[in-house]
All heavy atoms as atom14 arrays in JSON, in Angstrom:
{
  "sequence": "GWFRQAPRKERELVATVTSGGNTNYADSVKGRFTISRDNAKNTVYLQM",
  "atom14_mask": [
    [1, 1, 1, 1, 0, 0, 0, 0, 0, 0, 0, 0, 0, 0],
    [1, 1, 1, 1, 1, 1, 1, 1, 1, 1, 1, 1, 1, 1],
    [1, 1, 1, 1, 1, 1, 1, 1, 1, 1, 1, 0, 0, 0],
    [1, 1, 1, 1, 1, 1, 1, 1, 1, 1, 1, 0, 0, 0],
    [1, 1, 1, 1, 1, 1, 1, 1, 1, 0, 0, 0, 0, 0],
    [1, 1, 1, 1, 1, 0, 0, 0, 0, 0, 0, 0, 0, 0],
    [1, 1, 1, 1, 1, 1, 1, 0, 0, 0, 0, 0, 0, 0],
    [1, 1, 1, 1, 1, 1, 1, 1, 1, 1, 1, 0, 0, 0],
    [1, 1, 1, 1, 1, 1, 1, 1, 1, 0, 0, 0, 0, 0],
    [1, 1, 1, 1, 1, 1, 1, 1, 1, 0, 0, 0, 0, 0],
    [1, 1, 1, 1, 1, 1, 1, 1, 1, 1, 1, 0, 0, 0],
    [1, 1, 1, 1, 1, 1, 1, 1, 1, 0, 0, 0, 0, 0],
    [1, 1, 1, 1, 1, 1, 1, 1, 0, 0, 0, 0, 0, 0],
    [1, 1, 1, 1, 1, 1, 1, 0, 0, 0, 0, 0, 0, 0],
    [1, 1, 1, 1, 1, 0, 0, 0, 0, 0, 0, 0, 0, 0],
    [1, 1, 1, 1, 1, 1, 1, 0, 0, 0, 0, 0, 0, 0],
    [1, 1, 1, 1, 1, 1, 1, 0, 0, 0, 0, 0, 0, 0],
    [1, 1, 1, 1, 1, 1, 1, 0, 0, 0, 0, 0, 0, 0],
    [1, 1, 1, 1, 1, 1, 0, 0, 0, 0, 0, 0, 0, 0],
    [1, 1, 1, 1, 0, 0, 0, 0, 0, 0, 0, 0, 0, 0],
    [1, 1, 1, 1, 0, 0, 0, 0, 0, 0, 0, 0, 0, 0],
    [1, 1, 1, 1, 1, 1, 1, 1, 0, 0, 0, 0, 0, 0],
    [1, 1, 1, 1, 1, 1, 1, 0, 0, 0, 0, 0, 0, 0],
    [1, 1, 1, 1, 1, 1, 1, 1, 0, 0, 0, 0, 0, 0],
    [1, 1, 1, 1, 1, 1, 1, 1, 1, 1, 1, 1, 0, 0],
    [1, 1, 1, 1, 1, 0, 0, 0, 0, 0, 0, 0, 0, 0],
    [1, 1, 1, 1, 1, 1, 1, 1, 0, 0, 0, 0, 0, 0],
    [1, 1, 1, 1, 1, 1, 0, 0, 0, 0, 0, 0, 0, 0],
    [1, 1, 1, 1, 1, 1, 1, 0, 0, 0, 0, 0, 0, 0],
    [1, 1, 1, 1, 1, 1, 1, 1, 1, 0, 0, 0, 0, 0],
    [1, 1, 1, 1, 0, 0, 0, 0, 0, 0, 0, 0, 0, 0],
    [1, 1, 1, 1, 1, 1, 1, 1, 1, 1, 1, 0, 0, 0],
    [1, 1, 1, 1, 1, 1, 1, 1, 1, 1, 1, 0, 0, 0],
    [1, 1, 1, 1, 1, 1, 1, 0, 0, 0, 0, 0, 0, 0],
    [1, 1, 1, 1, 1, 1, 1, 1, 0, 0, 0, 0, 0, 0],
    [1, 1, 1, 1, 1, 1, 0, 0, 0, 0, 0, 0, 0, 0],
    [1, 1, 1, 1, 1, 1, 1, 1, 1, 1, 1, 0, 0, 0],
    [1, 1, 1, 1, 1, 1, 1, 1, 0, 0, 0, 0, 0, 0],
    [1, 1, 1, 1, 1, 1, 1, 1, 0, 0, 0, 0, 0, 0],
    [1, 1, 1, 1, 1, 0, 0, 0, 0, 0, 0, 0, 0, 0],
    [1, 1, 1, 1, 1, 1, 1, 1, 1, 0, 0, 0, 0, 0],
    [1, 1, 1, 1, 1, 1, 1, 1, 0, 0, 0, 0, 0, 0],
    [1, 1, 1, 1, 1, 1, 1, 0, 0, 0, 0, 0, 0, 0],
    [1, 1, 1, 1, 1, 1, 1, 0, 0, 0, 0, 0, 0, 0],
    [1, 1, 1, 1, 1, 1, 1, 1, 1, 1, 1, 1, 0, 0],
    [1, 1, 1, 1, 1, 1, 1, 1, 0, 0, 0, 0, 0, 0],
    [1, 1, 1, 1, 1, 1, 1, 1, 1, 0, 0, 0, 0, 0],
    [1, 1, 1, 1, 1, 1, 1, 1, 0, 0, 0, 0, 0, 0]
  ],
  "atom14_positions": [
    [[15.6, 6.38, 0.74], [15.25, 6.2, -0.65], [15.56, 4.83, -1.2], [16.37, 4.09, -0.65], [0.0, 0.0, 0.0], [0.0, 0.0, 0.0], [0.0, 0.0, 0.0], [0.0, 0.0, 0.0], [0.0, 0.0, 0.0], [0.0, 0.0, 0.0], [0.0, 0.0, 0.0], [0.0, 0.0, 0.0], [0.0, 0.0, 0.0], [0.0, 0.0, 0.0]],
    [[14.88, 4.51, -2.28], [15.14, 3.31, -3.04], [15.74, 3.71, -4.38], [15.3, 4.68, -5.01], [13.87, 2.49, -3.28], [13.45, 1.69, -2.1], [12.54, 2.03, -1.14], [13.92, 0.38, -1.75], [12.41, 1.02, -0.22], [13.25, -0.01, -0.57], [14.84, -0.51, -2.31], [13.47, -1.24, 0.05], [15.06, -1.73, -1.69], [14.37, -2.08, -0.53]],
    [[16.73, 2.95, -4.81], [17.42, 3.18, -6.06], [17.46, 1.86, -6.82], [17.27, 0.8, -6.24], [18.85, 3.68, -5.8], [18.92, 4.87, -4.9], [18.79, 4.73, -3.52], [19.12, 6.14, -5.41], [18.86, 5.82, -2.67], [19.19, 7.25, -4.58], [19.05, 7.09, -3.22], [0.0, 0.0, 0.0], [0.0, 0.0, 0.0], [0.0, 0.0, 0.0]],
    [[17.72, 1.91, -8.1], [17.85, 0.68, -8.86], [18.89, 0.84, -9.95], [19.16, 1.94, -10.42], [16.51, 0.25, -9.47], [15.96, 1.17, -10.55], [14.57, 0.72, -10.97], [14.03, 1.53, -12.04], [12.78, 1.43, -12.5], [11.95, 0.53, -11.98], [12.36, 2.22, -13.49], [0.0, 0.0, 0.0], [0.0, 0.0, 0.0], [0.0, 0.0, 0.0]],
    [[19.46, -0.29, -10.32], [20.48, -0.29, -11.36], [20.28, -1.51, -12.25], [20.36, -2.64, -11.8], [21.88, -0.31, -10.75], [22.99, -0.17, -11.78], [24.35, 0.08, -11.15], [24.56, -0.2, -9.96], [25.27, 0.62, -11.92], [0.0, 0.0, 0.0], [0.0, 0.0, 0.0], [0.0, 0.0, 0.0], [0.0, 0.0, 0.0], [0.0, 0.0, 0.0]],
    [[20.0, -1.24, -13.51], [19.85, -2.29, -14.51], [21.22, -2.55, -15.14], [22.12, -1.72, -15.06], [18.84, -1.86, -15.58], [0.0, 0.0, 0.0], [0.0, 0.0, 0.0], [0.0, 0.0, 0.0], [0.0, 0.0, 0.0], [0.0, 0.0, 0.0], [0.0, 0.0, 0.0], [0.0, 0.0, 0.0], [0.0, 0.0, 0.0], [0.0, 0.0, 0.0]],
    [[21.39, -3.71, -15.77], [22.67, -4.02, -16.42], [23.1, -2.93, -17.39], [22.31, -2.45, -18.2], [22.38, -5.33, -17.15], [21.31, -5.98, -16.34], [20.43, -4.84, -15.9], [0.0, 0.0, 0.0], [0.0, 0.0, 0.0], [0.0, 0.0, 0.0], [0.0, 0.0, 0.0], [0.0, 0.0, 0.0], [0.0, 0.0, 0.0], [0.0, 0.0, 0.0]],
    [[24.35, -2.52, -17.29], [24.94, -1.51, -18.15], [24.28, -0.13, -18.04], [24.41, 0.71, -18.92], [24.93, -1.98, -19.61], [25.7, -3.28, -19.84], [25.64, -3.72, -21.29], [26.33, -4.98, -21.5], [26.4, -5.62, -22.66], [25.81, -5.09, -23.74], [27.03, -6.76, -22.76], [0.0, 0.0, 0.0], [0.0, 0.0, 0.0], [0.0, 0.0, 0.0]],
    [[23.58, 0.08, -16.95], [22.94, 1.37, -16.71], [23.47, 1.98, -15.42], [24.01, 1.29, -14.56], [21.42, 1.21, -16.6], [20.76, 0.6, -17.82], [20.72, 1.56, -18.99], [19.91, 0.98, -20.13], [19.83, 1.91, -21.28], [0.0, 0.0, 0.0], [0.0, 0.0, 0.0], [0.0, 0.0, 0.0], [0.0, 0.0, 0.0], [0.0, 0.0, 0.0]],
    [[23.31, 3.28, -15.29], [23.69, 3.97, -14.07], [22.61, 3.77, -13.02], [21.43, 3.56, -13.34], [23.88, 5.46, -14.33], [25.04, 5.8, -15.24], [26.37, 5.45, -14.62], [26.57, 5.69, -13.41], [27.24, 4.93, -15.34], [0.0, 0.0, 0.0], [0.0, 0.0, 0.0], [0.0, 0.0, 0.0], [0.0, 0.0, 0.0], [0.0, 0.0, 0.0]],
    [[23.0, 3.82, -11.76], [22.04, 3.74, -10.69], [21.12, 4.96, -10.74], [21.59, 6.08, -10.94], [22.75, 3.68, -9.33], [21.82, 3.58, -8.13], [22.6, 3.57, -6.82], [23.31, 2.31, -6.62], [24.63, 2.2, -6.58], [25.4, 3.26, -6.74], [25.18, 1.01, -6.38], [0.0, 0.0, 0.0], [0.0, 0.0, 0.0], [0.0, 0.0, 0.0]],
    [[19.83, 4.73, -10.59], [18.86, 5.82, -10.65], [17.96, 5.83, -9.42], [17.7, 4.8, -8.81], [18.0, 5.72, -11.91], [17.11, 4.48, -11.96], [16.16, 4.48, -13.14], [15.97, 5.54, -13.77], [15.6, 3.4, -13.44], [0.0, 0.0, 0.0], [0.0, 0.0, 0.0], [0.0, 0.0, 0.0], [0.0, 0.0, 0.0], [0.0, 0.0, 0.0]],
    [[17.5, 7.01, -9.07], [16.59, 7.17, -7.95], [15.2, 6.7, -8.34], [14.68, 7.07, -9.4], [16.54, 8.64, -7.52], [15.57, 8.99, -6.39], [16.01, 8.32, -5.09], [15.5, 10.49, -6.21], [0.0, 0.0, 0.0], [0.0, 0.0, 0.0], [0.0, 0.0, 0.0], [0.0, 0.0, 0.0], [0.0, 0.0, 0.0], [0.0, 0.0, 0.0]],
    [[14.59, 5.9, -7.49], [13.24, 5.39, -7.73], [12.22, 6.16, -6.9], [11.2, 6.61, -7.41], [13.14, 3.89, -7.41], [11.71, 3.39, -7.55], [14.07, 3.1, -8.32], [0.0, 0.0, 0.0], [0.0, 0.0, 0.0], [0.0, 0.0, 0.0], [0.0, 0.0, 0.0], [0.0, 0.0, 0.0], [0.0, 0.0, 0.0], [0.0, 0.0, 0.0]],
    [[12.48, 6.28, -5.6], [11.54, 6.95, -4.71], [12.23, 7.36, -3.43], [13.21, 6.74, -3.01], [10.36, 6.02, -4.39], [0.0, 0.0, 0.0], [0.0, 0.0, 0.0], [0.0, 0.0, 0.0], [0.0, 0.0, 0.0], [0.0, 0.0, 0.0], [0.0, 0.0, 0.0], [0.0, 0.0, 0.0], [0.0, 0.0, 0.0], [0.0, 0.0, 0.0]],
    [[11.72, 8.4, -2.79], [12.22, 8.84, -1.49], [11.05, 9.14, -0.57], [9.95, 9.46, -1.02], [13.09, 10.1, -1.58], [12.34, 11.18, -2.14], [14.33, 9.85, -2.42], [0.0, 0.0, 0.0], [0.0, 0.0, 0.0], [0.0, 0.0, 0.0], [0.0, 0.0, 0.0], [0.0, 0.0, 0.0], [0.0, 0.0, 0.0], [0.0, 0.0, 0.0]],
    [[11.31, 9.04, 0.71], [10.34, 9.43, 1.73], [11.1, 10.16, 2.83], [12.1, 9.66, 3.34], [9.54, 8.23, 2.28], [10.46, 7.15, 2.85], [8.55, 8.69, 3.34], [0.0, 0.0, 0.0], [0.0, 0.0, 0.0], [0.0, 0.0, 0.0], [0.0, 0.0, 0.0], [0.0, 0.0, 0.0], [0.0, 0.0, 0.0], [0.0, 0.0, 0.0]],
    [[10.65, 11.36, 3.19], [11.32, 12.14, 4.21], [10.87, 11.72, 5.59], [9.93, 10.95, 5.76], [11.03, 13.64, 4.03], [9.65, 13.89, 4.3], [11.36, 14.1, 2.62], [0.0, 0.0, 0.0], [0.0, 0.0, 0.0], [0.0, 0.0, 0.0], [0.0, 0.0, 0.0], [0.0, 0.0, 0.0], [0.0, 0.0, 0.0], [0.0, 0.0, 0.0]],
    [[11.56, 12.25, 6.6], [11.19, 11.96, 7.98], [9.79, 12.46, 8.31], [9.16, 11.94, 9.23], [12.2, 12.59, 8.94], [12.27, 13.99, 8.76], [0.0, 0.0, 0.0], [0.0, 0.0, 0.0], [0.0, 0.0, 0.0], [0.0, 0.0, 0.0], [0.0, 0.0, 0.0], [0.0, 0.0, 0.0], [0.0, 0.0, 0.0], [0.0, 0.0, 0.0]],
    [[9.32, 13.45, 7.55], [7.98, 13.97, 7.75], [6.91, 13.26, 6.95], [5.73, 13.61, 7.04], [0.0, 0.0, 0.0], [0.0, 0.0, 0.0], [0.0, 0.0, 0.0], [0.0, 0.0, 0.0], [0.0, 0.0, 0.0], [0.0, 0.0, 0.0], [0.0, 0.0, 0.0], [0.0, 0.0, 0.0], [0.0, 0.0, 0.0], [0.0, 0.0, 0.0]],
    [[7.32, 12.27, 6.15], [6.36, 11.49, 5.4], [6.11, 11.94, 3.97], [5.27, 11.36, 3.28], [0.0, 0.0, 0.0], [0.0, 0.0, 0.0], [0.0, 0.0, 0.0], [0.0, 0.0, 0.0], [0.0, 0.0, 0.0], [0.0, 0.0, 0.0], [0.0, 0.0, 0.0], [0.0, 0.0, 0.0], [0.0, 0.0, 0.0], [0.0, 0.0, 0.0]],
    [[6.8, 12.97, 3.52], [6.64, 13.41, 2.14], [7.34, 12.44, 1.19], [8.45, 11.99, 1.46], [7.22, 14.81, 1.95], [6.44, 15.86, 2.72], [5.22, 15.81, 2.8], [7.16, 16.82, 3.29], [0.0, 0.0, 0.0], [0.0, 0.0, 0.0], [0.0, 0.0, 0.0], [0.0, 0.0, 0.0], [0.0, 0.0, 0.0], [0.0, 0.0, 0.0]],
    [[6.69, 12.13, 0.09], [7.24, 11.18, -0.86], [7.48, 11.81, -2.22], [6.85, 12.8, -2.59], [6.3, 9.97, -1.04], [5.01, 10.43, -1.48], [6.14, 9.22, 0.27], [0.0, 0.0, 0.0], [0.0, 0.0, 0.0], [0.0, 0.0, 0.0], [0.0, 0.0, 0.0], [0.0, 0.0, 0.0], [0.0, 0.0, 0.0], [0.0, 0.0, 0.0]],
    [[8.41, 11.21, -2.95], [8.72, 11.66, -4.3], [9.07, 10.43, -5.12], [9.74, 9.52, -4.62], [9.88, 12.65, -4.3], [10.06, 13.32, -5.64], [9.15, 13.92, -6.17], [11.27, 13.22, -6.19], [0.0, 0.0, 0.0], [0.0, 0.0, 0.0], [0.0, 0.0, 0.0], [0.0, 0.0, 0.0], [0.0, 0.0, 0.0], [0.0, 0.0, 0.0]],
    [[8.61, 10.41, -6.38], [8.82, 9.24, -7.22], [9.35, 9.63, -8.6], [9.05, 10.7, -9.12], [7.51, 8.49, -7.43], [6.89, 7.95, -6.16], [5.99, 8.72, -5.43], [7.22, 6.68, -5.69], [5.42, 8.22, -4.26], [6.66, 6.19, -4.53], [5.76, 6.96, -3.82], [5.21, 6.47, -2.66], [0.0, 0.0, 0.0], [0.0, 0.0, 0.0]],
    [[10.12, 8.73, -9.16], [10.52, 8.89, -10.54], [9.28, 8.78, -11.42], [8.34, 8.05, -11.1], [11.54, 7.81, -10.93], [0.0, 0.0, 0.0], [0.0, 0.0, 0.0], [0.0, 0.0, 0.0], [0.0, 0.0, 0.0], [0.0, 0.0, 0.0], [0.0, 0.0, 0.0], [0.0, 0.0, 0.0], [0.0, 0.0, 0.0], [0.0, 0.0, 0.0]],
    [[9.27, 9.51, -12.52], [8.11, 9.49, -13.41], [7.76, 8.08, -13.87], [6.59, 7.75, -14.06], [8.35, 10.39, -14.62], [8.33, 11.86, -14.28], [7.78, 12.24, -13.23], [8.86, 12.66, -15.08], [0.0, 0.0, 0.0], [0.0, 0.0, 0.0], [0.0, 0.0, 0.0], [0.0, 0.0, 0.0], [0.0, 0.0, 0.0], [0.0, 0.0, 0.0]],
    [[8.76, 7.26, -14.05], [8.55, 5.92, -14.58], [7.8, 4.99, -13.63], [7.28, 3.96, -14.07], [9.89, 5.29, -14.95], [10.75, 5.21, -13.83], [0.0, 0.0, 0.0], [0.0, 0.0, 0.0], [0.0, 0.0, 0.0], [0.0, 0.0, 0.0], [0.0, 0.0, 0.0], [0.0, 0.0, 0.0], [0.0, 0.0, 0.0], [0.0, 0.0, 0.0]],
    [[7.73, 5.34, -12.35], [7.07, 4.46, -11.38], [5.88, 5.1, -10.69], [5.21, 4.44, -9.88], [8.07, 3.95, -10.31], [9.28, 3.31, -10.97], [8.49, 5.08, -9.38], [0.0, 0.0, 0.0], [0.0, 0.0, 0.0], [0.0, 0.0, 0.0], [0.0, 0.0, 0.0], [0.0, 0.0, 0.0], [0.0, 0.0, 0.0], [0.0, 0.0, 0.0]],
    [[5.59, 6.34, -10.98], [4.47, 7.03, -10.35], [3.16, 6.29, -10.6], [2.87, 5.87, -11.71], [4.35, 8.47, -10.87], [5.38, 9.42, -10.32], [5.17, 10.84, -10.86], [6.19, 11.8, -10.28], [6.05, 13.16, -10.83], [0.0, 0.0, 0.0], [0.0, 0.0, 0.0], [0.0, 0.0, 0.0], [0.0, 0.0, 0.0], [0.0, 0.0, 0.0]],
    [[2.4, 6.13, -9.53], [1.13, 5.43, -9.62], [1.23, 3.93, -9.49], [0.21, 3.25, -9.36], [0.0, 0.0, 0.0], [0.0, 0.0, 0.0], [0.0, 0.0, 0.0], [0.0, 0.0, 0.0], [0.0, 0.0, 0.0], [0.0, 0.0, 0.0], [0.0, 0.0, 0.0], [0.0, 0.0, 0.0], [0.0, 0.0, 0.0], [0.0, 0.0, 0.0]],
    [[2.45, 3.4, -9.51], [2.65, 1.97, -9.42], [3.41, 1.54, -8.17], [3.18, 0.46, -7.63], [3.4, 1.45, -10.65], [2.69, 1.73, -11.97], [3.36, 1.02, -13.14], [4.74, 1.49, -13.34], [5.82, 0.71, -13.23], [5.69, -0.57, -12.91], [7.02, 1.22, -13.44], [0.0, 0.0, 0.0], [0.0, 0.0, 0.0], [0.0, 0.0, 0.0]],
    [[4.33, 2.39, -7.71], [5.16, 2.08, -6.54], [4.78, 2.96, -5.36], [4.38, 4.12, -5.55], [6.64, 2.31, -6.85], [7.27, 1.34, -7.81], [6.5, 0.47, -8.57], [8.65, 1.31, -7.95], [7.09, -0.42, -9.46], [9.25, 0.43, -8.83], [8.47, -0.44, -9.59], [0.0, 0.0, 0.0], [0.0, 0.0, 0.0], [0.0, 0.0, 0.0]],
    [[4.93, 2.43, -4.17], [4.69, 3.19, -2.95], [5.82, 2.95, -1.97], [6.12, 1.81, -1.62], [3.36, 2.8, -2.29], [2.27, 3.02, -3.19], [3.13, 3.63, -1.03], [0.0, 0.0, 0.0], [0.0, 0.0, 0.0], [0.0, 0.0, 0.0], [0.0, 0.0, 0.0], [0.0, 0.0, 0.0], [0.0, 0.0, 0.0], [0.0, 0.0, 0.0]],
    [[6.46, 4.03, -1.53], [7.53, 3.94, -0.55], [7.0, 4.33, 0.83], [6.15, 5.21, 0.94], [8.73, 4.83, -0.93], [9.92, 4.59, 0.01], [8.34, 6.31, -0.95], [11.2, 5.31, -0.42], [0.0, 0.0, 0.0], [0.0, 0.0, 0.0], [0.0, 0.0, 0.0], [0.0, 0.0, 0.0], [0.0, 0.0, 0.0], [0.0, 0.0, 0.0]],
    [[7.49, 3.66, 1.85], [7.09, 3.98, 3.21], [8.24, 3.68, 4.16], [9.16, 2.93, 3.82], [5.84, 3.2, 3.62], [6.07, 1.81, 3.59], [0.0, 0.0, 0.0], [0.0, 0.0, 0.0], [0.0, 0.0, 0.0], [0.0, 0.0, 0.0], [0.0, 0.0, 0.0], [0.0, 0.0, 0.0], [0.0, 0.0, 0.0], [0.0, 0.0, 0.0]],
    [[8.2, 4.27, 5.34], [9.23, 4.02, 6.35], [8.58, 3.78, 7.69], [7.6, 4.43, 8.05], [10.24, 5.17, 6.42], [9.64, 6.51, 6.85], [10.62, 7.67, 6.62], [11.74, 7.67, 7.53], [12.79, 8.5, 7.42], [12.86, 9.36, 6.41], [13.78, 8.43, 8.31], [0.0, 0.0, 0.0], [0.0, 0.0, 0.0], [0.0, 0.0, 0.0]],
    [[9.12, 2.83, 8.43], [8.68, 2.52, 9.77], [9.85, 2.79, 10.69], [10.74, 1.94, 10.84], [8.21, 1.07, 9.87], [7.55, 0.77, 11.21], [7.86, 1.44, 12.2], [6.73, -0.17, 11.26], [0.0, 0.0, 0.0], [0.0, 0.0, 0.0], [0.0, 0.0, 0.0], [0.0, 0.0, 0.0], [0.0, 0.0, 0.0], [0.0, 0.0, 0.0]],
    [[9.88, 3.97, 11.27], [11.01, 4.36, 12.11], [11.17, 3.46, 13.33], [12.29, 3.21, 13.77], [10.85, 5.81, 12.56], [10.99, 6.8, 11.42], [11.63, 6.51, 10.41], [10.4, 7.97, 11.57], [0.0, 0.0, 0.0], [0.0, 0.0, 0.0], [0.0, 0.0, 0.0], [0.0, 0.0, 0.0], [0.0, 0.0, 0.0], [0.0, 0.0, 0.0]],
    [[10.07, 2.96, 13.87], [10.12, 2.09, 15.04], [10.83, 0.78, 14.73], [11.46, 0.18, 15.6], [8.72, 1.83, 15.58], [0.0, 0.0, 0.0], [0.0, 0.0, 0.0], [0.0, 0.0, 0.0], [0.0, 0.0, 0.0], [0.0, 0.0, 0.0], [0.0, 0.0, 0.0], [0.0, 0.0, 0.0], [0.0, 0.0, 0.0], [0.0, 0.0, 0.0]],
    [[10.71, 0.33, 13.49], [11.34, -0.92, 13.07], [12.63, -0.7, 12.3], [13.26, -1.67, 11.87], [10.36, -1.73, 12.21], [9.11, -2.19, 12.94], [8.2, -2.99, 12.02], [6.96, -3.47, 12.74], [6.05, -4.24, 11.85], [0.0, 0.0, 0.0], [0.0, 0.0, 0.0], [0.0, 0.0, 0.0], [0.0, 0.0, 0.0], [0.0, 0.0, 0.0]],
    [[13.0, 0.56, 12.12], [14.21, 0.9, 11.36], [14.19, 0.24, 9.97], [15.2, -0.29, 9.51], [15.47, 0.49, 12.12], [15.6, 1.21, 13.44], [15.2, 2.36, 13.59], [16.18, 0.54, 14.43], [0.0, 0.0, 0.0], [0.0, 0.0, 0.0], [0.0, 0.0, 0.0], [0.0, 0.0, 0.0], [0.0, 0.0, 0.0], [0.0, 0.0, 0.0]],
    [[13.04, 0.31, 9.34], [12.84, -0.38, 8.08], [12.13, 0.51, 7.07], [11.26, 1.3, 7.42], [12.01, -1.66, 8.29], [12.69, -2.51, 9.23], [11.84, -2.43, 6.99], [0.0, 0.0, 0.0], [0.0, 0.0, 0.0], [0.0, 0.0, 0.0], [0.0, 0.0, 0.0], [0.0, 0.0, 0.0], [0.0, 0.0, 0.0], [0.0, 0.0, 0.0]],
    [[12.53, 0.37, 5.82], [11.91, 1.08, 4.7], [11.35, 0.05, 3.74], [11.96, -1.0, 3.53], [12.92, 1.98, 3.98], [12.24, 2.81, 2.9], [13.61, 2.91, 4.97], [0.0, 0.0, 0.0], [0.0, 0.0, 0.0], [0.0, 0.0, 0.0], [0.0, 0.0, 0.0], [0.0, 0.0, 0.0], [0.0, 0.0, 0.0], [0.0, 0.0, 0.0]],
    [[10.21, 0.35, 3.16], [9.56, -0.59, 2.26], [9.32, 0.04, 0.89], [9.21, 1.26, 0.75], [8.2, -1.04, 2.81], [8.27, -1.65, 4.19], [8.02, -0.88, 5.32], [8.6, -2.99, 4.36], [8.08, -1.43, 6.59], [8.67, -3.54, 5.63], [8.4, -2.76, 6.73], [8.46, -3.31, 7.99], [0.0, 0.0, 0.0], [0.0, 0.0, 0.0]],
    [[9.23, -0.81, -0.1], [8.84, -0.38, -1.43], [7.81, -1.38, -1.95], [8.15, -2.52, -2.27], [10.03, -0.3, -2.39], [9.71, 0.25, -3.79], [9.34, 1.73, -3.7], [10.89, 0.07, -4.73], [0.0, 0.0, 0.0], [0.0, 0.0, 0.0], [0.0, 0.0, 0.0], [0.0, 0.0, 0.0], [0.0, 0.0, 0.0], [0.0, 0.0, 0.0]],
    [[6.56, -0.95, -2.02], [5.5, -1.79, -2.56], [5.4, -1.51, -4.05], [5.16, -0.38, -4.46], [4.17, -1.48, -1.87], [3.0, -2.3, -2.38], [3.14, -3.77, -2.07], [3.4, -4.15, -0.93], [3.0, -4.62, -3.09], [0.0, 0.0, 0.0], [0.0, 0.0, 0.0], [0.0, 0.0, 0.0], [0.0, 0.0, 0.0], [0.0, 0.0, 0.0]],
    [[5.59, -2.54, -4.84], [5.59, -2.4, -6.29], [4.42, -3.18, -6.88], [4.21, -4.34, -6.54], [6.9, -2.91, -6.88], [8.15, -2.27, -6.27], [9.68, -2.85, -7.06], [9.65, -4.57, -6.56], [0.0, 0.0, 0.0], [0.0, 0.0, 0.0], [0.0, 0.0, 0.0], [0.0, 0.0, 0.0], [0.0, 0.0, 0.0], [0.0, 0.0, 0.0]]
  ]
}
């Protein structure tokens, strides 16, 4: 998952992607952000 923290704010969940490829997004970023994972590269991405 990707999380974010703004000044004087609590850390919040932005998006998650499961090992099976299912994704979930915070309402504030739906339609704008895309999370993905590349297990072969051990890397997670967030396209904003």
